[in-house]
Amino acid sequence: MTIQNYFFDLGGVLMDLDVNRTLKAMAALSRHHGADSGFAAQDLFGVGENRLMQDYQDGKIDTGQFLDALYPMCRPGVSREALIEAWDAMLLGIPQRRLEAIRNLRRKGKQVFILSNINEEHLRWSRIHFDHIGLRIGDDVTHAFFSNEMGVSKPDPYIFREAIRQSGVDPAETLYIDDMQVNVDAGARWGLQTLCARGDEWFPAVCI
């Protein structure tokens, strides 16, 4: 069956990320050093029992509450602006070649959607970036589904059910591209065609 629709993850698939940039920037703001900084990956990204990042990307807490949770780990005098800058350091933007790739899909009459786990601050940054590079939701991208706005994140079944329902796509005619296998597997359970890929690895699958 011919693919008519594409669901793209944002970070790691359309947008380049470097999480280590944020880890290093956060560590530089810490009142401690090394493994005791409080800013290791498990502290910031919800690994294990830490739910901070999960709650943030699910929209259960806002940016102010997220920063309030981080401030106790910072050395005295760290500003809100410095903490936000460190948090955003991982975001490297969407390369022009990927923007042109999704525009090429749109020129071919395909529908292109974003389905992303994201938090309030990174969505704010991303929208400014979209404006800067000329990416238009509703034009270059048919619609965007963001976890913090939907109240749930991948791989929860609800976000896939709602994305399929709201978009009106036929899952059998829809390719979902994500850089995390657990999310890809969850999408496949809803009948989506799937591809686990990072960066430009998805280009051959969309005939770029």
Protein backbone atom coordinates (compact mmCIF):
# COMPACT_ATOMS: atom_id res chain seq x y z
CA MET A 1 0.00 0.00 0.00
CA THR A 2 1.32 3.45 -0.91
CA ILE A 3 2.33 5.72 1.97
CA GLN A 4 0.20 8.86 1.96
CA ASN A 5 0.95 10.23 5.43
CA TYR A 6 4.03 10.69 7.60
CA PHE A 7 4.30 11.09 11.37
CA PHE A 8 7.72 12.45 12.32
CA ASP A 9 9.23 12.63 15.78
CA LEU A 10 10.78 16.07 16.29
CA GLY A 11 13.93 15.75 18.41
CA GLY A 12 16.46 13.34 16.93
CA VAL A 13 14.52 12.86 13.69
CA LEU A 14 13.70 16.29 12.27
CA MET A 15 15.68 18.35 14.76
CA ASP A 16 19.27 17.61 15.78
CA LEU A 17 19.85 17.15 19.52
CA ASP A 18 22.95 16.92 21.69
CA VAL A 19 21.87 16.06 25.22
CA ASN A 20 25.47 16.19 26.44
CA ARG A 21 25.51 19.94 25.78
CA THR A 22 22.73 20.40 28.32
CA LEU A 23 24.31 18.00 30.81
CA LYS A 24 27.60 19.94 30.64
CA ALA A 25 25.88 23.32 30.83
CA MET A 26 23.78 22.22 33.80
CA ALA A 27 26.80 20.75 35.58
CA ALA A 28 28.54 24.13 35.26
CA LEU A 29 25.66 25.69 37.22
CA SER A 30 25.65 23.05 39.94
CA ARG A 31 26.59 23.62 43.56
CA HIS A 32 28.34 20.24 43.40
CA HIS A 33 30.58 18.54 40.87
CA GLY A 34 30.82 15.27 39.01
CA ALA A 35 28.40 12.47 39.79
CA ASP A 36 27.01 14.43 42.75
CA SER A 37 25.98 17.45 40.67
CA GLY A 38 22.33 16.38 40.61
CA PHE A 39 22.33 17.01 36.87
CA ALA A 40 23.14 13.54 35.59
CA ALA A 41 20.98 12.07 32.84
CA GLN A 42 18.82 10.15 35.31
CA ASP A 43 18.03 13.35 37.21
CA LEU A 44 17.05 15.40 34.17
CA PHE A 45 15.43 12.92 31.83
CA GLY A 46 13.23 10.82 34.06
CA VAL A 47 15.29 7.64 33.98
CA GLY A 48 14.37 5.16 36.70
CA GLU A 49 12.13 6.49 39.45
CA ASN A 50 12.71 10.19 38.75
CA ARG A 51 9.48 11.59 37.31
CA LEU A 52 10.49 15.24 36.87
CA MET A 53 11.04 15.16 33.11
CA GLN A 54 8.09 12.83 32.58
CA ASP A 55 5.77 15.23 34.37
CA TYR A 56 7.21 18.18 32.46
CA GLN A 57 6.76 16.64 29.01
CA ASP A 58 3.27 15.43 29.98
CA GLY A 59 2.29 19.00 30.83
CA LYS A 60 1.64 18.13 34.48
CA ILE A 61 4.06 20.86 35.56
CA ASP A 62 4.99 24.10 33.81
CA THR A 63 8.41 25.65 33.21
CA GLY A 64 8.33 27.60 36.47
CA GLN A 65 7.70 24.44 38.48
CA PHE A 66 10.39 22.58 36.54
CA LEU A 67 12.95 25.29 37.26
CA ASP A 68 11.90 25.42 40.91
CA ALA A 69 12.77 21.71 41.15
CA LEU A 70 16.23 22.37 39.66
CA TYR A 71 17.19 25.47 41.65
CA PRO A 72 18.15 23.57 44.85
CA MET A 73 20.87 21.81 42.84
CA CYS A 74 22.30 25.11 41.53
CA ARG A 75 24.99 27.19 43.14
CA PRO A 76 23.85 30.50 44.68
CA GLY A 77 23.22 33.32 42.24
CA VAL A 78 22.27 31.25 39.19
CA SER A 79 19.61 33.15 37.26
CA ARG A 80 16.45 31.81 35.68
CA GLU A 81 17.81 32.91 32.29
CA ALA A 82 21.06 30.96 32.79
CA LEU A 83 19.16 27.83 33.75
CA ILE A 84 16.87 28.10 30.72
CA GLU A 85 19.86 28.68 28.43
CA ALA A 86 21.50 25.53 29.81
CA TRP A 87 18.28 23.54 29.39
CA ASP A 88 17.97 24.67 25.78
CA ALA A 89 21.63 23.96 24.94
CA MET A 90 20.74 20.51 23.59
CA LEU A 91 18.56 21.97 20.82
CA LEU A 92 20.52 22.33 17.57
CA GLY A 93 17.68 23.03 15.18
CA ILE A 94 16.31 21.53 11.96
CA PRO A 95 18.83 21.39 9.09
CA GLN A 96 17.67 22.97 5.84
CA ARG A 97 17.91 19.64 4.01
CA ARG A 98 15.28 18.10 6.32
CA LEU A 99 12.99 21.09 5.93
CA GLU A 100 13.28 20.70 2.17
CA ALA A 101 12.60 16.96 2.50
CA ILE A 102 9.26 17.48 4.22
CA ARG A 103 8.39 20.27 1.79
CA ASN A 104 9.08 17.83 -1.03
CA LEU A 105 6.64 15.38 0.54
CA ARG A 106 4.02 18.12 0.72
CA ARG A 107 4.59 18.99 -2.94
CA LYS A 108 3.84 15.35 -3.73
CA GLY A 109 0.50 15.68 -1.97
CA LYS A 110 1.49 13.81 1.19
CA GLN A 111 0.36 14.78 4.68
CA VAL A 112 3.16 15.46 7.16
CA PHE A 113 2.60 15.46 10.93
CA ILE A 114 4.85 15.98 13.93
CA LEU A 115 4.29 13.63 16.89
CA SER A 116 6.68 14.67 19.63
CA ASN A 117 7.41 14.23 23.31
CA ILE A 118 8.32 17.78 24.29
CA ASN A 119 8.18 20.15 27.24
CA GLU A 120 6.89 23.71 27.52
CA GLU A 121 10.26 25.47 27.25
CA HIS A 122 11.55 23.36 24.38
CA LEU A 123 8.28 23.92 22.54
CA ARG A 124 8.64 27.67 23.06
CA TRP A 125 12.20 27.50 21.66
CA SER A 126 11.09 25.28 18.78
CA ARG A 127 8.31 27.63 17.71
CA ILE A 128 10.76 30.52 17.56
CA HIS A 129 13.08 28.28 15.51
CA PHE A 130 10.22 27.30 13.19
CA ASP A 131 9.58 30.98 12.51
CA HIS A 132 13.29 31.59 11.91
CA ILE A 133 13.65 28.83 9.30
CA GLY A 134 10.22 29.41 7.77
CA LEU A 135 8.60 26.14 8.82
CA ARG A 136 4.84 26.69 8.92
CA ILE A 137 2.46 24.45 10.84
CA GLY A 138 -0.60 24.05 8.65
CA ASP A 139 1.48 24.37 5.48
CA ASP A 140 4.88 22.61 5.56
CA VAL A 141 3.49 20.43 8.36
CA THR A 142 -0.19 19.51 8.27
CA HIS A 143 -0.53 19.41 12.07
CA ALA A 144 1.67 18.92 15.13
CA PHE A 145 0.88 16.75 18.15
CA PHE A 146 2.90 17.76 21.22
CA SER A 147 2.90 15.67 24.40
CA ASN A 148 2.78 18.59 26.82
CA GLU A 149 -0.36 19.89 25.10
CA MET A 150 -2.01 16.46 24.89
CA GLY A 151 -1.27 15.59 28.52
CA VAL A 152 0.43 12.30 27.68
CA SER A 153 3.62 11.18 25.97
CA LYS A 154 4.86 8.32 23.83
CA PRO A 155 4.79 5.35 24.16
CA ASP A 156 1.42 5.68 25.93
CA PRO A 157 -1.27 4.22 23.63
CA TYR A 158 -3.54 7.25 24.11
CA ILE A 159 -1.27 9.65 22.21
CA PHE A 160 -1.20 7.34 19.17
CA ARG A 161 -4.95 6.78 19.30
CA GLU A 162 -5.60 10.52 19.44
CA ALA A 163 -3.07 11.38 16.73
CA ILE A 164 -4.68 8.84 14.39
CA ARG A 165 -8.21 9.94 15.29
CA GLN A 166 -7.58 13.68 15.03
CA SER A 167 -5.58 13.42 11.81
CA GLY A 168 -8.09 11.07 10.19
CA VAL A 169 -5.32 9.01 8.57
CA ASP A 170 -5.44 5.35 7.64
CA PRO A 171 -2.64 3.76 9.74
CA ALA A 172 -1.91 1.30 6.92
CA GLU A 173 -1.05 4.26 4.67
CA THR A 174 0.95 6.11 7.33
CA LEU A 175 4.68 5.88 8.07
CA TYR A 176 5.70 6.79 11.63
CA ILE A 177 9.39 7.66 12.10
CA ASP A 178 10.93 7.86 15.58
CA ASP A 179 14.42 7.43 17.00
CA MET A 180 13.30 5.30 19.97
CA GLN A 181 12.41 1.67 19.38
CA VAL A 182 9.93 1.58 22.27
CA ASN A 183 7.93 4.34 20.60
CA VAL A 184 8.15 2.70 17.19
CA ASP A 185 6.84 -0.56 18.68
CA ALA A 186 3.96 1.30 20.33
CA GLY A 187 3.02 2.93 17.02
CA ALA A 188 3.12 -0.40 15.23
CA ARG A 189 0.54 -1.78 17.65
CA TRP A 190 -1.87 0.80 16.25
CA GLY A 191 -1.28 -0.45 12.72
CA LEU A 192 1.11 2.31 11.68
CA GLN A 193 3.93 1.51 9.28
CA THR A 194 7.09 2.27 11.25
CA LEU A 195 10.76 3.12 10.96
CA CYS A 196 13.30 3.60 13.75
CA ALA A 197 15.79 6.16 12.45
CA ARG A 198 17.84 9.17 13.51
CA GLY A 199 18.87 12.26 11.62
CA ASP A 200 19.05 11.71 7.87
CA GLU A 201 18.64 7.92 8.12
CA TRP A 202 14.97 8.20 7.11
CA PHE A 203 15.71 9.91 3.76
CA PRO A 204 15.78 6.65 1.70
CA ALA A 205 12.42 5.59 3.15
CA VAL A 206 10.75 8.72 1.79
CA CYS A 207 12.66 8.61 -1.52
CA ILE A 208 14.75 11.73 -0.79
